[in-house]
């Protein structure tokens, strides 16, 4: 998280919607209150499961990008049992971050990050 200036929040969830771990960037407050955060994660898991129904036709889903006025959220498949949700500052960075996350999940830790805004 600290290596990317656009990342605000990261959570890892199992496929039952249970948050396993989360971290918010120092000095940043979440837009969602805790109860709504839990509901949002459960909805993201449900959406991911529903997308899995077309895997046989389209291939396995890798990530989903949702763009809101205040934040961008990337949902990434870690494995069959876990997803990661990453909230980004809406000023940019998603292309670089998506490339970095997918490279790491594929075992390539060498993809550099592009500098972003300083907080």
C-alpha atoms as a PDB file:
ATOM      1  CA  UNK A   1       0.000   0.000   0.000  1.00  0.00           C
ATOM      2  CA  UNK A   2       2.713   2.470   0.928  1.00  0.00           C
ATOM      3  CA  UNK A   3       4.466   1.862  -2.390  1.00  0.00           C
ATOM      4  CA  UNK A   4       1.606   3.374  -4.419  1.00  0.00           C
ATOM      5  CA  UNK A   5       0.547   6.969  -3.813  1.00  0.00           C
ATOM      6  CA  UNK A   6      -2.983   6.445  -5.174  1.00  0.00           C
ATOM      7  CA  UNK A   7      -4.000   3.589  -2.861  1.00  0.00           C
ATOM      8  CA  UNK A   8      -6.319   4.662  -0.036  1.00  0.00           C
ATOM      9  CA  UNK A   9      -7.572   1.340   1.297  1.00  0.00           C
ATOM     10  CA  UNK A  10      -6.990  -2.381   0.746  1.00  0.00           C
ATOM     11  CA  UNK A  11      -9.082  -5.318   1.997  1.00  0.00           C
ATOM     12  CA  UNK A  12      -8.849  -9.053   1.469  1.00  0.00           C
ATOM     13  CA  UNK A  13     -12.042 -11.058   1.713  1.00  0.00           C
ATOM     14  CA  UNK A  14     -12.957 -14.706   1.472  1.00  0.00           C
ATOM     15  CA  UNK A  15     -15.717 -15.756  -0.922  1.00  0.00           C
ATOM     16  CA  UNK A  16     -18.273 -15.656   1.903  1.00  0.00           C
ATOM     17  CA  UNK A  17     -17.782 -11.903   2.262  1.00  0.00           C
ATOM     18  CA  UNK A  18     -15.751 -12.126   5.451  1.00  0.00           C
ATOM     19  CA  UNK A  19     -13.017  -9.507   5.586  1.00  0.00           C
ATOM     20  CA  UNK A  20      -9.772 -11.274   6.447  1.00  0.00           C
ATOM     21  CA  UNK A  21      -7.577  -8.202   6.637  1.00  0.00           C
ATOM     22  CA  UNK A  22      -7.687  -4.526   5.716  1.00  0.00           C
ATOM     23  CA  UNK A  23      -5.519  -1.454   5.855  1.00  0.00           C
ATOM     24  CA  UNK A  24      -6.217   2.233   5.362  1.00  0.00           C
ATOM     25  CA  UNK A  25      -3.434   4.576   4.299  1.00  0.00           C
ATOM     26  CA  UNK A  26      -2.106   6.707   7.135  1.00  0.00           C
ATOM     27  CA  UNK A  27      -3.748  10.130   7.203  1.00  0.00           C
ATOM     28  CA  UNK A  28      -6.698   9.027   5.042  1.00  0.00           C
ATOM     29  CA  UNK A  29     -10.214   8.411   6.330  1.00  0.00           C
ATOM     30  CA  UNK A  30     -12.553   5.965   4.625  1.00  0.00           C
ATOM     31  CA  UNK A  31     -15.583   7.313   2.814  1.00  0.00           C
ATOM     32  CA  UNK A  32     -17.709   4.384   4.010  1.00  0.00           C
ATOM     33  CA  UNK A  33     -18.574   3.811   7.661  1.00  0.00           C
ATOM     34  CA  UNK A  34     -17.617   0.326   8.980  1.00  0.00           C
ATOM     35  CA  UNK A  35     -21.083  -1.233   8.626  1.00  0.00           C
ATOM     36  CA  UNK A  36     -21.425  -0.017   5.035  1.00  0.00           C
ATOM     37  CA  UNK A  37     -17.870  -1.210   4.300  1.00  0.00           C
ATOM     38  CA  UNK A  38     -18.850  -4.733   5.366  1.00  0.00           C
ATOM     39  CA  UNK A  39     -21.963  -4.585   3.170  1.00  0.00           C
ATOM     40  CA  UNK A  40     -19.948  -3.253   0.245  1.00  0.00           C
ATOM     41  CA  UNK A  41     -17.480  -6.132   0.516  1.00  0.00           C
ATOM     42  CA  UNK A  42     -20.313  -8.673   0.622  1.00  0.00           C
ATOM     43  CA  UNK A  43     -21.839  -7.076  -2.514  1.00  0.00           C
ATOM     44  CA  UNK A  44     -18.451  -7.201  -4.263  1.00  0.00           C
ATOM     45  CA  UNK A  45     -18.159 -10.917  -3.454  1.00  0.00           C
ATOM     46  CA  UNK A  46     -21.710 -11.586  -4.682  1.00  0.00           C
ATOM     47  CA  UNK A  47     -20.982  -9.683  -7.900  1.00  0.00           C
ATOM     48  CA  UNK A  48     -17.765 -11.634  -8.385  1.00  0.00           C
ATOM     49  CA  UNK A  49     -19.591 -14.933  -7.924  1.00  0.00           C
ATOM     50  CA  UNK A  50     -22.218 -13.907 -10.462  1.00  0.00           C
ATOM     51  CA  UNK A  51     -19.508 -13.020 -13.006  1.00  0.00           C
ATOM     52  CA  UNK A  52     -17.970 -16.475 -12.502  1.00  0.00           C
ATOM     53  CA  UNK A  53     -21.033 -17.964 -14.215  1.00  0.00           C
ATOM     54  CA  UNK A  54     -19.659 -16.865 -17.609  1.00  0.00           C
ATOM     55  CA  UNK A  55     -16.082 -18.094 -17.040  1.00  0.00           C
ATOM     56  CA  UNK A  56     -16.647 -21.052 -19.372  1.00  0.00           C
ATOM     57  CA  UNK A  57     -17.440 -18.620 -22.175  1.00  0.00           C
ATOM     58  CA  UNK A  58     -15.234 -15.598 -21.499  1.00  0.00           C
ATOM     59  CA  UNK A  59     -12.416 -17.033 -19.434  1.00  0.00           C
ATOM     60  CA  UNK A  60     -11.702 -16.442 -15.772  1.00  0.00           C
ATOM     61  CA  UNK A  61     -12.256 -12.918 -14.478  1.00  0.00           C
ATOM     62  CA  UNK A  62      -9.105 -11.074 -13.440  1.00  0.00           C
ATOM     63  CA  UNK A  63     -10.315  -7.737 -12.054  1.00  0.00           C
ATOM     64  CA  UNK A  64     -13.203  -5.265 -12.083  1.00  0.00           C
ATOM     65  CA  UNK A  65     -12.903  -1.479 -11.963  1.00  0.00           C
ATOM     66  CA  UNK A  66     -15.729   0.591 -10.451  1.00  0.00           C
ATOM     67  CA  UNK A  67     -15.447   4.367 -10.752  1.00  0.00           C
ATOM     68  CA  UNK A  68     -17.291   6.677  -8.354  1.00  0.00           C
ATOM     69  CA  UNK A  69     -17.117  10.463  -7.931  1.00  0.00           C
ATOM     70  CA  UNK A  70     -14.829  10.214  -4.891  1.00  0.00           C
ATOM     71  CA  UNK A  71     -12.924   6.974  -5.394  1.00  0.00           C
ATOM     72  CA  UNK A  72     -12.106   4.159  -7.783  1.00  0.00           C
ATOM     73  CA  UNK A  73     -12.356   0.577  -6.562  1.00  0.00           C
ATOM     74  CA  UNK A  74     -10.576  -2.359  -8.114  1.00  0.00           C
ATOM     75  CA  UNK A  75     -11.706  -5.858  -7.199  1.00  0.00           C
ATOM     76  CA  UNK A  76      -9.059  -8.474  -7.984  1.00  0.00           C
ATOM     77  CA  UNK A  77      -9.249 -12.259  -7.860  1.00  0.00           C
ATOM     78  CA  UNK A  78      -6.420 -13.561  -5.676  1.00  0.00           C
ATOM     79  CA  UNK A  79      -7.389 -17.237  -5.958  1.00  0.00           C
ATOM     80  CA  UNK A  80     -10.586 -19.307  -5.981  1.00  0.00           C
ATOM     81  CA  UNK A  81     -11.243 -18.490  -2.332  1.00  0.00           C
ATOM     82  CA  UNK A  82     -10.216 -14.813  -2.001  1.00  0.00           C
ATOM     83  CA  UNK A  83     -10.603 -11.402  -3.572  1.00  0.00           C
ATOM     84  CA  UNK A  84      -8.826  -8.127  -2.878  1.00  0.00           C
ATOM     85  CA  UNK A  85     -10.527  -4.751  -2.946  1.00  0.00           C
ATOM     86  CA  UNK A  86      -8.346  -1.711  -3.540  1.00  0.00           C
ATOM     87  CA  UNK A  87      -9.721   1.825  -3.214  1.00  0.00           C
ATOM     88  CA  UNK A  88      -7.808   4.459  -5.179  1.00  0.00           C
ATOM     89  CA  UNK A  89      -7.728   8.214  -5.184  1.00  0.00           C
ATOM     90  CA  UNK A  90      -9.874   9.272  -8.131  1.00  0.00           C
ATOM     91  CA  UNK A  91      -7.095  11.417  -9.613  1.00  0.00           C
ATOM     92  CA  UNK A  92      -5.506   8.491 -11.423  1.00  0.00           C
ATOM     93  CA  UNK A  93      -3.221   5.552 -11.079  1.00  0.00           C
ATOM     94  CA  UNK A  94      -5.524   2.649 -11.863  1.00  0.00           C
ATOM     95  CA  UNK A  95      -3.757   1.495 -15.031  1.00  0.00           C
ATOM     96  CA  UNK A  96      -0.362   1.325 -13.323  1.00  0.00           C
ATOM     97  CA  UNK A  97      -1.798  -0.284 -10.215  1.00  0.00           C
ATOM     98  CA  UNK A  98      -3.813  -2.896 -12.114  1.00  0.00           C
ATOM     99  CA  UNK A  99      -0.703  -3.844 -14.077  1.00  0.00           C
ATOM    100  CA  UNK A 100       1.327  -4.048 -10.855  1.00  0.00           C
ATOM    101  CA  UNK A 101      -1.258  -6.131  -8.976  1.00  0.00           C
ATOM    102  CA  UNK A 102      -1.785  -8.597 -11.825  1.00  0.00           C
ATOM    103  CA  UNK A 103       1.980  -8.948 -12.301  1.00  0.00           C
ATOM    104  CA  UNK A 104       2.450  -9.718  -8.593  1.00  0.00           C
ATOM    105  CA  UNK A 105      -0.367 -12.287  -8.664  1.00  0.00           C
ATOM    106  CA  UNK A 106       1.378 -13.909 -11.637  1.00  0.00           C
ATOM    107  CA  UNK A 107       4.693 -13.970  -9.735  1.00  0.00           C
ATOM    108  CA  UNK A 108       6.439 -10.985 -11.380  1.00  0.00           C
ATOM    109  CA  UNK A 109       7.576  -8.541  -8.680  1.00  0.00           C
ATOM    110  CA  UNK A 110       9.625  -6.353 -11.042  1.00  0.00           C
ATOM    111  CA  UNK A 111       6.893  -4.130 -12.552  1.00  0.00           C
ATOM    112  CA  UNK A 112       7.672  -0.548 -11.457  1.00  0.00           C
ATOM    113  CA  UNK A 113       5.125   1.968 -10.205  1.00  0.00           C
ATOM    114  CA  UNK A 114       4.663   5.419 -11.659  1.00  0.00           C
ATOM    115  CA  UNK A 115       4.906   8.271  -9.124  1.00  0.00           C
ATOM    116  CA  UNK A 116       1.582   9.855  -8.244  1.00  0.00           C
ATOM    117  CA  UNK A 117       0.254  12.629  -6.020  1.00  0.00           C
ATOM    118  CA  UNK A 118       1.957  13.398  -2.754  1.00  0.00           C
ATOM    119  CA  UNK A 119      -0.302  13.692   0.317  1.00  0.00           C
END
